[in-house]
Amino acid sequence: MPDRALSARGFRLVGAMLLGLLAVAVVVFGGDSRERAVLETLRGLTQALEVREGETPGRRDQRVQQAVETYFTDAVSVRHADLPRTGAGRRALLLWGRLLEKYDSAALSIQHADVTLQGERARAKLDVALSARDEAGLHQYARAAELGLVREGDGWKIESLNIAPESQAEPEARP
């Protein structure tokens, strides 16, 4: 009988572990489906804005124009502390998107995202990294951004974009 008691105890232990893993999976991968949809919108945008090595400027421009139409409202408000004033709306975004063309390749990635939902609106606070390469080598930039999104149909569109100036690294402490 000790073998049967051991296997029942082992079965309960395995069952408890599986329930624990399921709970972790729900927390990590679950969450609000609207929040996941907002994050998917943001990931889609970062992929659409990348500069692909060897891609013609015309093809990239078409892709960026399509991304601006897909991911932004017509009257999007845009603030970027480090870039020249280009006006408002989608036209400003197209001009900024074209500034990345100075690189042979460039990719944006979301390092951290905090999404807050309020009905048909969402606010996303992001830490975004740009990794770009040109003839001078690899360049890395990081910015904080805050985006306002509104639900349109089955998806989300960005209605405001505020990109903070580059933060200065804290000096190292010296003894």
N, C-alpha and C. Protein backbone atom coordinates (compact mmCIF):
# COMPACT_ATOMS: atom_id res chain seq x y z
N MET A 1 0.79 -1.20 0.00
CA MET A 1 0.00 0.00 0.00
C MET A 1 0.85 1.28 0.00
N PRO A 2 2.05 1.31 0.57
CA PRO A 2 2.83 2.53 0.56
C PRO A 2 3.06 3.05 -0.86
N ASP A 3 3.21 2.14 -1.84
CA ASP A 3 3.42 2.58 -3.22
C ASP A 3 2.21 3.35 -3.74
N ARG A 4 1.01 2.85 -3.39
CA ARG A 4 -0.22 3.50 -3.85
C ARG A 4 -0.34 4.88 -3.20
N ALA A 5 -0.02 5.02 -1.92
CA ALA A 5 -0.08 6.31 -1.23
C ALA A 5 0.93 7.28 -1.83
N LEU A 6 2.12 6.78 -2.17
CA LEU A 6 3.14 7.61 -2.77
C LEU A 6 2.69 8.09 -4.15
N SER A 7 2.10 7.21 -4.95
CA SER A 7 1.68 7.62 -6.27
C SER A 7 0.50 8.59 -6.20
N ALA A 8 -0.40 8.44 -5.24
CA ALA A 8 -1.50 9.39 -5.08
C ALA A 8 -0.94 10.76 -4.67
N ARG A 9 0.03 10.75 -3.75
CA ARG A 9 0.65 11.99 -3.33
C ARG A 9 1.40 12.64 -4.50
N GLY A 10 2.09 11.82 -5.26
CA GLY A 10 2.81 12.32 -6.44
C GLY A 10 1.85 12.88 -7.48
N PHE A 11 0.71 12.22 -7.64
CA PHE A 11 -0.30 12.68 -8.58
C PHE A 11 -0.83 14.05 -8.15
N ARG A 12 -1.09 14.22 -6.86
CA ARG A 12 -1.58 15.50 -6.36
C ARG A 12 -0.52 16.59 -6.54
N LEU A 13 0.74 16.22 -6.30
CA LEU A 13 1.83 17.19 -6.47
C LEU A 13 1.93 17.64 -7.92
N VAL A 14 1.88 16.69 -8.85
CA VAL A 14 1.95 17.03 -10.28
C VAL A 14 0.74 17.87 -10.66
N GLY A 15 -0.43 17.50 -10.15
CA GLY A 15 -1.65 18.27 -10.42
C GLY A 15 -1.54 19.70 -9.92
N ALA A 16 -1.01 19.87 -8.71
CA ALA A 16 -0.84 21.20 -8.14
C ALA A 16 0.16 22.01 -8.97
N MET A 17 1.23 21.37 -9.44
CA MET A 17 2.21 22.06 -10.27
C MET A 17 1.58 22.50 -11.59
N LEU A 18 0.78 21.64 -12.20
CA LEU A 18 0.12 21.99 -13.46
C LEU A 18 -0.85 23.15 -13.26
N LEU A 19 -1.60 23.14 -12.15
CA LEU A 19 -2.50 24.25 -11.87
C LEU A 19 -1.72 25.55 -11.68
N GLY A 20 -0.58 25.46 -11.01
CA GLY A 20 0.27 26.63 -10.82
C GLY A 20 0.78 27.17 -12.14
N LEU A 21 1.24 26.28 -13.02
CA LEU A 21 1.71 26.70 -14.34
C LEU A 21 0.58 27.33 -15.15
N LEU A 22 -0.62 26.76 -15.05
CA LEU A 22 -1.77 27.31 -15.75
C LEU A 22 -2.07 28.71 -15.24
N ALA A 23 -2.02 28.91 -13.94
CA ALA A 23 -2.27 30.24 -13.37
C ALA A 23 -1.24 31.25 -13.86
N VAL A 24 0.03 30.85 -13.91
CA VAL A 24 1.08 31.73 -14.41
C VAL A 24 0.83 32.06 -15.88
N ALA A 25 0.46 31.06 -16.67
CA ALA A 25 0.19 31.28 -18.09
C ALA A 25 -0.96 32.27 -18.29
N VAL A 26 -1.99 32.16 -17.48
CA VAL A 26 -3.12 33.09 -17.59
C VAL A 26 -2.68 34.51 -17.28
N VAL A 27 -1.86 34.67 -16.26
CA VAL A 27 -1.38 36.00 -15.88
C VAL A 27 -0.46 36.56 -16.97
N VAL A 28 0.48 35.75 -17.46
CA VAL A 28 1.46 36.22 -18.43
C VAL A 28 0.84 36.40 -19.82
N PHE A 29 0.08 35.42 -20.28
CA PHE A 29 -0.43 35.45 -21.64
C PHE A 29 -1.89 35.86 -21.72
N GLY A 30 -2.54 35.88 -20.59
CA GLY A 30 -3.97 36.20 -20.59
C GLY A 30 -4.17 37.69 -20.58
N GLY A 31 -4.89 38.15 -19.59
CA GLY A 31 -5.15 39.57 -19.50
C GLY A 31 -6.30 39.96 -20.41
N ASP A 32 -6.55 41.23 -20.47
CA ASP A 32 -7.64 41.78 -21.25
C ASP A 32 -7.32 41.65 -22.75
N SER A 33 -8.25 41.12 -23.52
CA SER A 33 -8.01 40.95 -24.95
C SER A 33 -7.86 42.31 -25.63
N ARG A 34 -8.49 43.35 -25.09
CA ARG A 34 -8.33 44.69 -25.67
C ARG A 34 -6.90 45.19 -25.45
N GLU A 35 -6.32 44.87 -24.29
CA GLU A 35 -4.93 45.25 -24.03
C GLU A 35 -4.00 44.54 -25.01
N ARG A 36 -4.25 43.26 -25.24
CA ARG A 36 -3.43 42.51 -26.21
C ARG A 36 -3.57 43.12 -27.60
N ALA A 37 -4.80 43.55 -27.95
CA ALA A 37 -5.01 44.15 -29.27
C ALA A 37 -4.24 45.47 -29.40
N VAL A 38 -4.19 46.26 -28.33
CA VAL A 38 -3.41 47.50 -28.35
C VAL A 38 -1.93 47.18 -28.56
N LEU A 39 -1.42 46.21 -27.83
CA LEU A 39 0.00 45.83 -27.96
C LEU A 39 0.30 45.29 -29.35
N GLU A 40 -0.62 44.54 -29.94
CA GLU A 40 -0.43 44.02 -31.30
C GLU A 40 -0.40 45.17 -32.30
N THR A 41 -1.24 46.19 -32.09
CA THR A 41 -1.22 47.38 -32.94
C THR A 41 0.15 48.04 -32.88
N LEU A 42 0.68 48.19 -31.68
CA LEU A 42 1.98 48.85 -31.52
C LEU A 42 3.11 48.02 -32.13
N ARG A 43 3.05 46.70 -31.97
CA ARG A 43 4.09 45.84 -32.57
C ARG A 43 4.01 45.89 -34.09
N GLY A 44 2.78 45.89 -34.63
CA GLY A 44 2.62 45.99 -36.08
C GLY A 44 3.20 47.28 -36.62
N LEU A 45 3.00 48.37 -35.88
CA LEU A 45 3.54 49.65 -36.30
C LEU A 45 5.06 49.63 -36.31
N THR A 46 5.69 49.09 -35.27
CA THR A 46 7.16 49.08 -35.22
C THR A 46 7.73 48.25 -36.37
N GLN A 47 7.07 47.16 -36.72
CA GLN A 47 7.54 46.35 -37.84
C GLN A 47 7.38 47.08 -39.17
N ALA A 48 6.28 47.82 -39.32
CA ALA A 48 6.04 48.53 -40.58
C ALA A 48 7.01 49.68 -40.80
N LEU A 49 7.53 50.27 -39.72
CA LEU A 49 8.42 51.42 -39.85
C LEU A 49 9.88 51.05 -40.03
N GLU A 50 10.23 49.79 -39.93
CA GLU A 50 11.64 49.42 -40.03
C GLU A 50 12.19 49.73 -41.42
N VAL A 51 13.49 49.97 -41.46
CA VAL A 51 14.21 50.18 -42.72
C VAL A 51 14.91 48.86 -43.02
N ARG A 52 14.55 48.27 -44.13
CA ARG A 52 15.09 46.96 -44.50
C ARG A 52 16.24 47.15 -45.50
N GLU A 53 17.34 46.51 -45.19
CA GLU A 53 18.52 46.63 -46.05
C GLU A 53 18.19 46.16 -47.46
N GLY A 54 18.55 46.97 -48.44
CA GLY A 54 18.33 46.62 -49.84
C GLY A 54 16.94 46.97 -50.36
N GLU A 55 16.04 47.43 -49.52
CA GLU A 55 14.69 47.80 -49.96
C GLU A 55 14.75 49.14 -50.68
N THR A 56 14.04 49.27 -51.76
CA THR A 56 14.05 50.54 -52.50
C THR A 56 13.29 51.60 -51.69
N PRO A 57 13.71 52.85 -51.81
CA PRO A 57 13.02 53.92 -51.09
C PRO A 57 11.53 54.01 -51.46
N GLY A 58 11.20 53.77 -52.71
CA GLY A 58 9.80 53.82 -53.13
C GLY A 58 8.96 52.76 -52.46
N ARG A 59 9.48 51.54 -52.38
CA ARG A 59 8.75 50.45 -51.73
C ARG A 59 8.58 50.73 -50.24
N ARG A 60 9.63 51.22 -49.60
CA ARG A 60 9.53 51.54 -48.17
C ARG A 60 8.53 52.66 -47.94
N ASP A 61 8.56 53.67 -48.79
CA ASP A 61 7.63 54.78 -48.66
C ASP A 61 6.18 54.30 -48.76
N GLN A 62 5.91 53.39 -49.69
CA GLN A 62 4.56 52.81 -49.81
C GLN A 62 4.16 52.09 -48.52
N ARG A 63 5.09 51.33 -47.96
CA ARG A 63 4.83 50.58 -46.73
C ARG A 63 4.56 51.52 -45.56
N VAL A 64 5.35 52.60 -45.47
CA VAL A 64 5.17 53.56 -44.39
C VAL A 64 3.84 54.30 -44.55
N GLN A 65 3.49 54.68 -45.78
CA GLN A 65 2.21 55.34 -46.02
C GLN A 65 1.05 54.44 -45.61
N GLN A 66 1.13 53.17 -45.95
CA GLN A 66 0.09 52.21 -45.57
C GLN A 66 0.01 52.07 -44.05
N ALA A 67 1.17 52.05 -43.39
CA ALA A 67 1.19 51.93 -41.92
C ALA A 67 0.56 53.16 -41.28
N VAL A 68 0.86 54.35 -41.80
CA VAL A 68 0.30 55.57 -41.24
C VAL A 68 -1.22 55.56 -41.39
N GLU A 69 -1.73 55.12 -42.53
CA GLU A 69 -3.18 55.02 -42.73
C GLU A 69 -3.80 53.96 -41.83
N THR A 70 -3.10 52.86 -41.61
CA THR A 70 -3.62 51.75 -40.82
C THR A 70 -3.62 52.05 -39.33
N TYR A 71 -2.55 52.65 -38.82
CA TYR A 71 -2.34 52.73 -37.38
C TYR A 71 -2.65 54.10 -36.75
N PHE A 72 -2.90 55.15 -37.56
CA PHE A 72 -3.11 56.48 -37.01
C PHE A 72 -4.43 57.08 -37.49
N THR A 73 -5.07 57.87 -36.62
CA THR A 73 -6.26 58.61 -37.03
C THR A 73 -5.83 59.74 -37.95
N ASP A 74 -6.79 60.29 -38.70
CA ASP A 74 -6.48 61.39 -39.63
C ASP A 74 -5.89 62.60 -38.91
N ALA A 75 -6.45 62.94 -37.77
CA ALA A 75 -6.05 64.16 -37.06
C ALA A 75 -5.10 63.87 -35.90
N VAL A 76 -4.25 62.88 -36.04
CA VAL A 76 -3.33 62.52 -34.96
C VAL A 76 -2.51 63.74 -34.53
N SER A 77 -2.38 63.93 -33.22
CA SER A 77 -1.51 65.00 -32.72
C SER A 77 -0.14 64.39 -32.43
N VAL A 78 0.88 65.11 -32.82
CA VAL A 78 2.24 64.57 -32.76
C VAL A 78 3.16 65.58 -32.07
N ARG A 79 3.91 65.08 -31.07
CA ARG A 79 4.94 65.89 -30.40
C ARG A 79 6.18 65.03 -30.26
N HIS A 80 7.29 65.55 -30.75
CA HIS A 80 8.57 64.86 -30.62
C HIS A 80 9.61 65.92 -30.28
N ALA A 81 10.15 65.83 -29.10
CA ALA A 81 11.04 66.88 -28.59
C ALA A 81 12.32 67.04 -29.40
N ASP A 82 12.81 65.98 -30.04
CA ASP A 82 14.12 66.04 -30.70
C ASP A 82 14.06 66.26 -32.21
N LEU A 83 12.87 66.28 -32.77
CA LEU A 83 12.77 66.41 -34.23
C LEU A 83 12.18 67.77 -34.60
N PRO A 84 12.47 68.23 -35.82
CA PRO A 84 11.93 69.53 -36.24
C PRO A 84 10.41 69.49 -36.30
N ARG A 85 9.81 70.65 -36.14
CA ARG A 85 8.36 70.75 -36.26
C ARG A 85 7.97 70.47 -37.71
N THR A 86 7.07 69.54 -37.88
CA THR A 86 6.65 69.17 -39.24
C THR A 86 5.15 69.36 -39.42
N GLY A 87 4.50 69.94 -38.45
CA GLY A 87 3.05 70.10 -38.53
C GLY A 87 2.36 68.98 -37.79
N ALA A 88 1.07 68.85 -38.04
CA ALA A 88 0.27 67.85 -37.35
C ALA A 88 -0.28 66.83 -38.33
N GLY A 89 -0.86 65.80 -37.79
CA GLY A 89 -1.55 64.81 -38.60
C GLY A 89 -0.63 63.80 -39.27
N ARG A 90 -1.23 63.05 -40.16
CA ARG A 90 -0.51 61.97 -40.84
C ARG A 90 0.66 62.48 -41.66
N ARG A 91 0.53 63.69 -42.22
CA ARG A 91 1.62 64.24 -43.04
C ARG A 91 2.91 64.37 -42.23
N ALA A 92 2.78 64.83 -40.99
CA ALA A 92 3.95 64.95 -40.12
C ALA A 92 4.59 63.59 -39.89
N LEU A 93 3.76 62.58 -39.68
CA LEU A 93 4.29 61.23 -39.45
C LEU A 93 5.03 60.70 -40.67
N LEU A 94 4.52 60.98 -41.86
CA LEU A 94 5.21 60.55 -43.08
C LEU A 94 6.58 61.21 -43.19
N LEU A 95 6.65 62.49 -42.87
CA LEU A 95 7.94 63.19 -42.92
C LEU A 95 8.92 62.58 -41.92
N TRP A 96 8.45 62.30 -40.71
CA TRP A 96 9.33 61.69 -39.71
C TRP A 96 9.74 60.29 -40.11
N GLY A 97 8.81 59.54 -40.67
CA GLY A 97 9.13 58.19 -41.13
C GLY A 97 10.21 58.20 -42.18
N ARG A 98 10.21 59.23 -43.01
CA ARG A 98 11.22 59.33 -44.07
C ARG A 98 12.60 59.68 -43.52
N LEU A 99 12.65 60.27 -42.32
CA LEU A 99 13.95 60.59 -41.72
C LEU A 99 14.77 59.33 -41.43
N LEU A 100 14.10 58.21 -41.20
CA LEU A 100 14.82 56.96 -40.94
C LEU A 100 15.54 56.43 -42.17
N GLU A 101 15.18 56.92 -43.35
CA GLU A 101 15.78 56.43 -44.58
C GLU A 101 17.27 56.75 -44.70
N LYS A 102 17.78 57.59 -43.82
CA LYS A 102 19.22 57.88 -43.86
C LYS A 102 20.03 56.67 -43.42
N TYR A 103 19.39 55.70 -42.80
CA TYR A 103 20.08 54.48 -42.35
C TYR A 103 19.94 53.38 -43.39
N ASP A 104 20.95 52.49 -43.44
CA ASP A 104 20.88 51.31 -44.31
C ASP A 104 19.85 50.32 -43.78
N SER A 105 19.76 50.23 -42.46
CA SER A 105 18.75 49.41 -41.81
C SER A 105 18.43 50.03 -40.45
N ALA A 106 17.19 49.85 -40.03
CA ALA A 106 16.76 50.40 -38.73
C ALA A 106 15.56 49.61 -38.24
N ALA A 107 15.54 49.35 -36.94
CA ALA A 107 14.42 48.61 -36.35
C ALA A 107 14.04 49.25 -35.02
N LEU A 108 12.75 49.42 -34.82
CA LEU A 108 12.20 49.89 -33.55
C LEU A 108 11.74 48.70 -32.75
N SER A 109 11.93 48.76 -31.45
CA SER A 109 11.42 47.69 -30.59
C SER A 109 10.88 48.29 -29.30
N ILE A 110 9.82 47.66 -28.81
CA ILE A 110 9.22 48.10 -27.56
C ILE A 110 9.89 47.35 -26.43
N GLN A 111 10.55 48.09 -25.54
CA GLN A 111 11.27 47.48 -24.43
C GLN A 111 10.35 47.25 -23.23
N HIS A 112 9.40 48.16 -23.04
CA HIS A 112 8.46 48.05 -21.93
C HIS A 112 7.18 48.77 -22.34
N ALA A 113 6.04 48.21 -21.96
CA ALA A 113 4.75 48.84 -22.27
C ALA A 113 3.82 48.73 -21.07
N ASP A 114 3.14 49.83 -20.80
CA ASP A 114 2.13 49.88 -19.76
C ASP A 114 0.87 50.43 -20.41
N VAL A 115 -0.17 49.61 -20.53
CA VAL A 115 -1.40 49.99 -21.21
C VAL A 115 -2.52 50.16 -20.19
N THR A 116 -3.21 51.29 -20.29
CA THR A 116 -4.37 51.56 -19.44
C THR A 116 -5.58 51.71 -20.36
N LEU A 117 -6.64 50.98 -20.05
CA LEU A 117 -7.85 51.02 -20.86
C LEU A 117 -8.95 51.79 -20.15
N GLN A 118 -9.67 52.62 -20.90
CA GLN A 118 -10.83 53.34 -20.38
C GLN A 118 -11.89 53.36 -21.47
N GLY A 119 -12.77 52.37 -21.43
CA GLY A 119 -13.82 52.27 -22.43
C GLY A 119 -13.24 52.06 -23.82
N GLU A 120 -13.54 52.99 -24.72
CA GLU A 120 -13.09 52.90 -26.11
C GLU A 120 -11.76 53.62 -26.35
N ARG A 121 -11.09 53.97 -25.28
CA ARG A 121 -9.80 54.66 -25.37
C ARG A 121 -8.75 53.89 -24.58
N ALA A 122 -7.51 54.10 -24.97
CA ALA A 122 -6.39 53.47 -24.27
C ALA A 122 -5.24 54.45 -24.22
N ARG A 123 -4.41 54.31 -23.20
CA ARG A 123 -3.19 55.09 -23.06
C ARG A 123 -2.06 54.09 -22.92
N ALA A 124 -1.03 54.26 -23.72
CA ALA A 124 0.13 53.36 -23.67
C ALA A 124 1.38 54.17 -23.36
N LYS A 125 2.07 53.78 -22.31
CA LYS A 125 3.36 54.38 -21.97
C LYS A 125 4.42 53.36 -22.35
N LEU A 126 5.35 53.78 -23.20
CA LEU A 126 6.32 52.85 -23.78
C LEU A 126 7.75 53.31 -23.56
N ASP A 127 8.64 52.35 -23.49
CA ASP A 127 10.06 52.57 -23.65
C ASP A 127 10.41 51.94 -24.99
N VAL A 128 10.88 52.76 -25.92
CA VAL A 128 11.13 52.32 -27.28
C VAL A 128 12.62 52.44 -27.59
N ALA A 129 13.15 51.45 -28.28
CA ALA A 129 14.56 51.47 -28.69
C ALA A 129 14.64 51.48 -30.21
N LEU A 130 15.57 52.24 -30.74
CA LEU A 130 15.86 52.25 -32.17
C LEU A 130 17.28 51.74 -32.33
N SER A 131 17.43 50.72 -33.14
CA SER A 131 18.73 50.18 -33.48
C SER A 131 18.91 50.40 -34.98
N ALA A 132 19.90 51.20 -35.36
CA ALA A 132 20.07 51.57 -36.76
C ALA A 132 21.52 51.38 -37.19
N ARG A 133 21.70 51.07 -38.47
CA ARG A 133 23.04 50.85 -39.01
C ARG A 133 23.21 51.69 -40.27
N ASP A 134 24.39 52.32 -40.37
CA ASP A 134 24.79 53.03 -41.58
C ASP A 134 26.28 52.80 -41.80
N GLU A 135 26.88 53.54 -42.72
CA GLU A 135 28.29 53.30 -43.01
C GLU A 135 29.19 53.60 -41.82
N ALA A 136 28.72 54.41 -40.87
CA ALA A 136 29.51 54.72 -39.67
C ALA A 136 29.39 53.64 -38.59
N GLY A 137 28.46 52.73 -38.74
CA GLY A 137 28.32 51.65 -37.76
C GLY A 137 26.92 51.56 -37.17
N LEU A 138 26.86 50.95 -36.01
CA LEU A 138 25.59 50.72 -35.32
C LEU A 138 25.29 51.88 -34.38
N HIS A 139 24.04 52.32 -34.39
CA HIS A 139 23.58 53.40 -33.53
C HIS A 139 22.41 52.89 -32.70
N GLN A 140 22.41 53.23 -31.41
CA GLN A 140 21.33 52.81 -30.51
C GLN A 140 20.74 54.06 -29.86
N TYR A 141 19.43 54.15 -29.89
CA TYR A 141 18.73 55.27 -29.27
C TYR A 141 17.57 54.72 -28.45
N ALA A 142 17.23 55.42 -27.38
CA ALA A 142 16.10 55.01 -26.55
C ALA A 142 15.27 56.25 -26.21
N ARG A 143 13.97 56.07 -26.22
CA ARG A 143 13.04 57.15 -25.90
C ARG A 143 11.87 56.60 -25.11
N ALA A 144 11.27 57.49 -24.34
CA ALA A 144 9.98 57.18 -23.70
C ALA A 144 8.91 57.82 -24.56
N ALA A 145 7.79 57.13 -24.70
CA ALA A 145 6.70 57.65 -25.51
C ALA A 145 5.38 57.40 -24.81
N GLU A 146 4.44 58.30 -25.05
CA GLU A 146 3.08 58.11 -24.54
C GLU A 146 2.14 58.26 -25.72
N LEU A 147 1.29 57.27 -25.89
CA LEU A 147 0.36 57.25 -27.01
C LEU A 147 -1.06 57.17 -26.50
N GLY A 148 -1.94 57.92 -27.14
CA GLY A 148 -3.37 57.81 -26.90
C GLY A 148 -3.97 57.06 -28.06
N LEU A 149 -4.78 56.08 -27.77
CA LEU A 149 -5.41 55.27 -28.82
C LEU A 149 -6.92 55.29 -28.67
N VAL A 150 -7.61 55.12 -29.78
CA VAL A 150 -9.06 55.05 -29.79
C VAL A 150 -9.46 53.80 -30.56
N ARG A 151 -10.51 53.16 -30.09
CA ARG A 151 -10.98 51.95 -30.76
C ARG A 151 -11.75 52.35 -32.01
N GLU A 152 -11.38 51.75 -33.13
CA GLU A 152 -12.07 51.96 -34.41
C GLU A 152 -12.37 50.60 -35.01
N GLY A 153 -13.63 50.26 -35.08
CA GLY A 153 -14.01 48.95 -35.61
C GLY A 153 -13.45 47.85 -34.73
N ASP A 154 -12.73 46.92 -35.35
CA ASP A 154 -12.15 45.80 -34.61
C ASP A 154 -10.76 46.10 -34.07
N GLY A 155 -10.23 47.28 -34.39
CA GLY A 155 -8.85 47.55 -33.99
C GLY A 155 -8.71 48.85 -33.25
N TRP A 156 -7.47 49.27 -33.10
CA TRP A 156 -7.12 50.49 -32.39
C TRP A 156 -6.30 51.38 -33.30
N LYS A 157 -6.52 52.70 -33.19
CA LYS A 157 -5.73 53.67 -33.94
C LYS A 157 -5.15 54.68 -32.97
N ILE A 158 -3.96 55.14 -33.28
CA ILE A 158 -3.26 56.11 -32.45
C ILE A 158 -3.79 57.50 -32.79
N GLU A 159 -4.25 58.23 -31.75
CA GLU A 159 -4.76 59.58 -31.96
C GLU A 159 -3.82 60.65 -31.41
N SER A 160 -2.88 60.25 -30.56
CA SER A 160 -1.87 61.19 -30.08
C SER A 160 -0.57 60.44 -29.82
N LEU A 161 0.53 61.15 -30.09
CA LEU A 161 1.87 60.57 -29.94
C LEU A 161 2.77 61.64 -29.36
N ASN A 162 3.34 61.34 -28.20
CA ASN A 162 4.22 62.28 -27.52
C ASN A 162 5.52 61.54 -27.20
N ILE A 163 6.61 61.96 -27.84
CA ILE A 163 7.90 61.30 -27.64
C ILE A 163 8.80 62.25 -26.86
N ALA A 164 9.27 61.78 -25.71
CA ALA A 164 10.11 62.58 -24.81
C ALA A 164 11.50 62.76 -25.40
N PRO A 165 12.20 63.80 -24.96
CA PRO A 165 13.58 63.98 -25.40
C PRO A 165 14.45 62.83 -24.90
N GLU A 166 15.58 62.67 -25.55
CA GLU A 166 16.51 61.62 -25.13
C GLU A 166 16.93 61.88 -23.69
N SER A 167 16.84 60.84 -22.88
CA SER A 167 17.24 61.00 -21.48
C SER A 167 18.73 60.82 -21.37
N GLN A 168 19.33 61.62 -20.52
CA GLN A 168 20.76 61.53 -20.30
C GLN A 168 21.05 60.42 -19.30
N ALA A 169 22.07 59.66 -19.57
CA ALA A 169 22.45 58.59 -18.64
C ALA A 169 22.97 59.21 -17.35
N GLU A 170 22.65 58.58 -16.26
CA GLU A 170 23.14 59.03 -14.96
C GLU A 170 24.64 58.76 -14.88
N PRO A 171 25.41 59.70 -14.37
CA PRO A 171 26.85 59.44 -14.22
C PRO A 171 27.09 58.34 -13.19
N GLU A 172 28.16 57.59 -13.41
CA GLU A 172 28.48 56.53 -12.47
C GLU A 172 28.92 57.11 -11.14
N ALA A 173 28.51 56.44 -10.09
CA ALA A 173 28.93 56.87 -8.74
C ALA A 173 30.41 56.58 -8.58
N ARG A 174 31.09 57.51 -7.97
CA ARG A 174 32.54 57.33 -7.73
C ARG A 174 32.79 57.31 -6.25
N PRO A 175 33.71 56.46 -5.83
CA PRO A 175 34.02 56.39 -4.38
C PRO A 175 34.76 57.60 -3.89
